[in-house]
Protein backbone atom coordinates (compact mmCIF):
# COMPACT_ATOMS: atom_id res chain seq x y z
CA UNK A 1 -176.69 -39.39 -27.28
CA UNK A 2 -179.27 -41.95 -26.03
CA UNK A 3 -182.46 -41.42 -24.01
CA UNK A 4 -183.65 -44.56 -22.23
CA UNK A 5 -184.74 -46.20 -18.97
CA UNK A 6 -182.49 -47.29 -16.15
CA UNK A 7 -184.13 -50.87 -15.69
CA UNK A 8 -183.53 -52.25 -19.17
CA UNK A 9 -180.51 -53.67 -21.02
CA UNK A 10 -179.84 -50.42 -22.87
CA UNK A 11 -178.60 -49.04 -19.48
CA UNK A 12 -175.54 -51.35 -19.68
CA UNK A 13 -175.18 -51.96 -23.33
CA UNK A 14 -175.23 -48.23 -24.95
CA UNK A 15 -172.31 -46.91 -22.70
CA UNK A 16 -170.28 -50.18 -23.87
CA UNK A 17 -170.29 -48.58 -27.45
CA UNK A 18 -169.19 -45.28 -26.22
CA UNK A 19 -172.61 -43.56 -26.41
CA UNK A 20 -173.72 -41.24 -23.39
CA UNK A 21 -177.10 -42.19 -21.99
CA UNK A 22 -179.59 -40.39 -19.87
CA UNK A 23 -182.74 -41.59 -18.13
CA UNK A 24 -186.30 -41.11 -17.72
CA UNK A 25 -188.94 -42.96 -15.60
CA UNK A 26 -191.58 -44.33 -17.86
CA UNK A 27 -192.90 -47.85 -18.38
CA UNK A 28 -195.09 -49.40 -21.14
CA UNK A 29 -198.96 -49.30 -20.68
CA UNK A 30 -199.81 -52.65 -22.43
CA UNK A 31 -200.81 -55.18 -20.11
CA UNK A 32 -201.16 -52.97 -17.03
CA UNK A 33 -203.84 -53.10 -14.42
CA UNK A 34 -206.42 -50.57 -13.85
CA UNK A 35 -204.53 -48.58 -11.27
CA UNK A 36 -201.40 -48.43 -13.43
CA UNK A 37 -203.59 -47.22 -16.41
CA UNK A 38 -205.17 -44.27 -14.10
CA UNK A 39 -201.79 -43.26 -13.10
CA UNK A 40 -200.45 -43.23 -16.64
CA UNK A 41 -201.25 -39.60 -17.62
CA UNK A 42 -199.23 -38.31 -14.65
CA UNK A 43 -196.53 -40.70 -15.51
CA UNK A 44 -196.28 -39.69 -19.07
CA UNK A 45 -196.44 -35.91 -18.19
CA UNK A 46 -193.52 -36.47 -15.66
CA UNK A 47 -191.57 -38.44 -18.33
CA UNK A 48 -192.09 -35.56 -20.95
CA UNK A 49 -190.77 -33.10 -18.13
CA UNK A 50 -187.81 -35.14 -17.50
CA UNK A 51 -187.02 -35.65 -21.19
CA UNK A 52 -187.46 -31.99 -22.00
CA UNK A 53 -184.94 -31.22 -19.15
CA UNK A 54 -182.40 -33.34 -21.03
CA UNK A 55 -183.26 -31.69 -24.37
CA UNK A 56 -182.59 -28.28 -22.90
CA UNK A 57 -178.98 -29.44 -21.69
CA UNK A 58 -178.19 -31.31 -24.79
CA UNK A 59 -179.65 -28.99 -27.52
CA UNK A 60 -179.80 -31.39 -30.05
CA UNK A 61 -180.38 -30.85 -33.92
CA UNK A 62 -182.75 -33.55 -34.23
CA UNK A 63 -184.34 -36.38 -32.30
CA UNK A 64 -184.70 -39.92 -33.63
CA UNK A 65 -187.38 -41.98 -32.26
CA UNK A 66 -187.53 -45.80 -33.10
CA UNK A 67 -191.10 -46.71 -31.46
CA UNK A 68 -190.29 -47.80 -28.28
CA UNK A 69 -192.28 -46.34 -25.22
CA UNK A 70 -189.45 -43.96 -24.23
CA UNK A 71 -189.82 -42.43 -27.67
CA UNK A 72 -193.14 -41.04 -26.82
CA UNK A 73 -192.04 -38.68 -24.06
CA UNK A 74 -188.79 -37.94 -25.92
CA UNK A 75 -190.59 -37.18 -29.09
CA UNK A 76 -193.18 -34.92 -27.43
CA UNK A 77 -190.38 -33.28 -25.52
CA UNK A 78 -188.26 -32.60 -28.50
CA UNK A 79 -191.40 -31.00 -30.29
CA UNK A 80 -192.02 -28.81 -27.30
CA UNK A 81 -188.59 -27.63 -27.51
CA UNK A 82 -188.76 -26.80 -31.19
CA UNK A 83 -186.27 -29.70 -32.03
CA UNK A 84 -187.27 -31.58 -35.27
CA UNK A 85 -188.57 -35.21 -34.63
CA UNK A 86 -187.46 -38.03 -37.12
CA UNK A 87 -189.24 -41.49 -36.86
CA UNK A 88 -188.32 -44.76 -38.15
CA UNK A 89 -191.01 -47.64 -38.05
CA UNK A 90 -189.42 -51.28 -38.29
CA UNK A 91 -192.76 -53.32 -38.39
CA UNK A 92 -195.03 -53.48 -41.46
CA UNK A 93 -197.87 -52.24 -39.10
CA UNK A 94 -196.95 -48.98 -37.20
CA UNK A 95 -196.84 -49.22 -33.48
CA UNK A 96 -199.07 -46.66 -31.48
CA UNK A 97 -196.14 -44.41 -30.38
CA UNK A 98 -194.96 -43.83 -33.87
CA UNK A 99 -198.77 -43.31 -35.09
CA UNK A 100 -199.03 -40.60 -32.51
CA UNK A 101 -195.64 -39.09 -33.26
CA UNK A 102 -196.17 -38.97 -37.03
CA UNK A 103 -198.47 -36.24 -36.63
CA UNK A 104 -195.75 -33.94 -35.19
CA UNK A 105 -192.72 -35.60 -36.99
CA UNK A 106 -190.50 -33.55 -39.42
CA UNK A 107 -189.71 -37.00 -41.29
CA UNK A 108 -190.84 -40.33 -41.24
CA UNK A 109 -189.03 -43.59 -42.46
CA UNK A 110 -190.24 -47.07 -42.83
CA UNK A 111 -188.87 -50.46 -43.30
CA UNK A 112 -191.78 -51.84 -45.20
CA UNK A 113 -194.26 -50.03 -47.58
CA UNK A 114 -197.76 -49.42 -46.21
CA UNK A 115 -196.98 -48.68 -42.46
CA UNK A 116 -197.40 -44.99 -43.18
CA UNK A 117 -198.88 -43.94 -46.48
CA UNK A 118 -196.08 -41.21 -47.78
CA UNK A 119 -193.02 -42.37 -45.70
CA UNK A 120 -189.92 -43.10 -47.47
CA UNK A 121 -189.02 -47.03 -47.51
CA UNK A 122 -185.54 -47.50 -46.20
CA UNK A 123 -185.49 -51.09 -44.83
CA UNK A 124 -184.18 -51.88 -41.24
CA UNK A 125 -180.76 -51.19 -39.95
CA UNK A 126 -178.48 -54.28 -39.46
CA UNK A 127 -175.04 -54.23 -37.72
CA UNK A 128 -172.24 -54.07 -40.13
CA UNK A 129 -170.43 -57.08 -38.76
CA UNK A 130 -173.66 -59.28 -39.23
CA UNK A 131 -173.62 -58.28 -42.94
CA UNK A 132 -169.80 -59.21 -43.31
CA UNK A 133 -170.24 -62.76 -42.06
CA UNK A 134 -169.35 -65.76 -44.23
CA UNK A 135 -172.14 -67.41 -46.42
CA UNK A 136 -174.00 -70.10 -44.50
CA UNK A 137 -172.69 -72.77 -46.82
CA UNK A 138 -169.21 -71.66 -46.06
CA UNK A 139 -169.74 -71.79 -42.18
CA UNK A 140 -171.10 -75.16 -42.24
CA UNK A 141 -168.73 -76.72 -44.48
CA UNK A 142 -166.55 -78.47 -41.92
CA UNK A 143 -168.69 -77.96 -38.96
CA UNK A 144 -168.93 -81.26 -36.55
CA UNK A 145 -170.18 -82.00 -33.27
CA UNK A 146 -173.32 -81.20 -31.28
CA UNK A 147 -176.13 -79.20 -32.86
CA UNK A 148 -175.65 -75.53 -31.74
CA UNK A 149 -178.72 -73.80 -30.42
CA UNK A 150 -178.82 -70.09 -29.80
CA UNK A 151 -181.66 -68.54 -27.73
CA UNK A 152 -182.11 -65.06 -27.69
CA UNK A 153 -185.08 -63.27 -26.11
CA UNK A 154 -184.10 -59.63 -26.55
CA UNK A 155 -185.15 -56.98 -24.22
CA UNK A 156 -188.71 -57.44 -23.89
CA UNK A 157 -189.19 -60.99 -24.98
CA UNK A 158 -186.91 -62.98 -22.71
CA UNK A 159 -189.32 -63.79 -20.11
CA UNK A 160 -191.42 -66.68 -21.81
CA UNK A 161 -188.33 -68.26 -23.46
CA UNK A 162 -186.51 -68.20 -19.96
CA UNK A 163 -189.50 -69.97 -18.55
CA UNK A 164 -190.17 -72.60 -21.09
CA UNK A 165 -186.90 -73.33 -22.92
CA UNK A 166 -184.98 -75.35 -20.12
CA UNK A 167 -187.83 -77.88 -19.83
CA UNK A 168 -188.08 -78.06 -23.77
CA UNK A 169 -184.17 -78.73 -24.17
CA UNK A 170 -184.39 -81.37 -21.77
CA UNK A 171 -186.42 -83.42 -24.08
CA UNK A 172 -183.90 -83.10 -26.94
CA UNK A 173 -181.23 -85.53 -25.72
CA UNK A 174 -177.83 -84.63 -25.25
CA UNK A 175 -176.45 -84.19 -28.96
CA UNK A 176 -176.71 -80.53 -28.77
CA UNK A 177 -175.19 -77.32 -26.94
CA UNK A 178 -176.97 -74.16 -25.92
CA UNK A 179 -176.29 -70.47 -25.77
CA UNK A 180 -178.99 -68.61 -23.96
CA UNK A 181 -179.27 -64.81 -23.59
CA UNK A 182 -181.63 -64.43 -20.67
CA UNK A 183 -181.81 -60.66 -20.24
CA UNK A 184 -180.89 -58.36 -17.49
CA UNK A 185 -180.74 -59.86 -14.12
CA UNK A 186 -182.03 -63.14 -15.32
CA UNK A 187 -179.02 -65.39 -16.11
CA UNK A 188 -178.73 -66.92 -12.47
CA UNK A 189 -182.33 -68.01 -12.43
CA UNK A 190 -182.22 -69.49 -16.15
CA UNK A 191 -179.18 -71.22 -15.39
CA UNK A 192 -180.62 -72.88 -12.44
CA UNK A 193 -183.58 -73.92 -14.41
CA UNK A 194 -181.38 -75.79 -16.98
CA UNK A 195 -179.61 -77.54 -14.04
CA UNK A 196 -182.95 -78.49 -12.48
CA UNK A 197 -183.80 -80.10 -15.76
CA UNK A 198 -180.59 -81.79 -16.20
CA UNK A 199 -179.29 -79.98 -18.91
CA UNK A 200 -175.56 -79.56 -18.43
CA UNK A 201 -174.70 -78.27 -21.91
CA UNK A 202 -176.34 -74.79 -21.56
CA UNK A 203 -174.21 -71.56 -21.26
CA UNK A 204 -176.47 -68.62 -19.80
CA UNK A 205 -175.58 -65.00 -20.17
CA UNK A 206 -177.41 -61.78 -19.52
CA UNK A 207 -176.37 -60.39 -22.79
CA UNK A 208 -174.39 -61.42 -25.65
CA UNK A 209 -172.15 -58.53 -26.76
CA UNK A 210 -170.80 -59.95 -30.02
CA UNK A 211 -174.11 -60.95 -31.63
CA UNK A 212 -172.51 -61.37 -35.19
CA UNK A 213 -170.23 -64.07 -33.60
CA UNK A 214 -172.98 -65.74 -31.89
CA UNK A 215 -174.95 -66.00 -35.25
CA UNK A 216 -171.92 -67.30 -36.91
CA UNK A 217 -171.48 -70.05 -34.15
CA UNK A 218 -175.38 -71.21 -34.22
CA UNK A 219 -176.77 -74.01 -36.36
CA UNK A 220 -180.36 -72.98 -35.15
CA UNK A 221 -181.66 -69.70 -33.51
CA UNK A 222 -184.75 -69.62 -31.32
CA UNK A 223 -185.79 -65.88 -30.75
CA UNK A 224 -188.61 -63.43 -30.70
CA UNK A 225 -189.79 -62.22 -34.01
CA UNK A 226 -189.27 -58.44 -33.65
CA UNK A 227 -188.82 -56.68 -36.85
CA UNK A 228 -185.24 -55.96 -36.27
CA UNK A 229 -184.29 -59.33 -35.03
CA UNK A 230 -185.98 -60.80 -38.08
CA UNK A 231 -183.99 -58.52 -40.49
CA UNK A 232 -180.77 -59.29 -38.89
CA UNK A 233 -181.27 -63.20 -38.83
CA UNK A 234 -182.05 -62.86 -42.60
CA UNK A 235 -178.96 -61.01 -43.28
CA UNK A 236 -176.85 -63.48 -41.18
CA UNK A 237 -178.46 -66.57 -43.05
CA UNK A 238 -179.25 -68.55 -39.71
CA UNK A 239 -182.01 -71.03 -39.62
CA UNK A 240 -184.51 -69.59 -36.94
CA UNK A 241 -187.54 -70.56 -35.06
CA UNK A 242 -189.38 -67.40 -34.33
CA UNK A 243 -191.68 -66.94 -31.49
CA UNK A 244 -194.31 -64.20 -32.22
CA UNK A 245 -195.34 -61.54 -29.53
CA UNK A 246 -198.82 -61.99 -28.35
CA UNK A 247 -199.90 -58.41 -29.13
CA UNK A 248 -198.49 -58.45 -32.82
């Protein structure tokens, strides 16, 4: 079962895969104003109470936290309920949520050595259909036509790509085609931006369900440099331009 927020892509994506989801009201604190920061303790306490109510209803055997800001209230609620907390850190440097939760976690896993001194190194999870793609040389062997550019911003990194890529692509000429994942609620605005820049060969969607097929289709990927994305792109064997997060 999944714990998330109603205003992110997971609200639509998780149920599509047959997983039940419940929501809490919580937002990230990074980059927020003074008023939001002052209200943060009350928001976090409220989120913990919401998460604990879900825990009482589910009665889970364990709770897995992957480091997002929902993991904070979820992990604390699990600990208060006496439920074992298990963490996975995808990055080489542990995020704040996982740093805090590691003090109460039953077990901590990490993708790379060094994030935590004694955590087991297990790598990052990669979707099975991505690992089963044909080798790049085989995919490209008979490929012809325009260069295929795939743009994927992800759930938290889409905004800067949505704002800048339409104008950038307009300078590349016409010998290419674009598939652009814009994120929840942004597809119409991004499609209009491509049209305003006279880019006719762009297909914009909120979310790409079949990511493996999109990787197989692409000649080049433009995306955020989140740890899970980098792991997946490496497994798929797609050339990529990675855009780092400012806070990483």
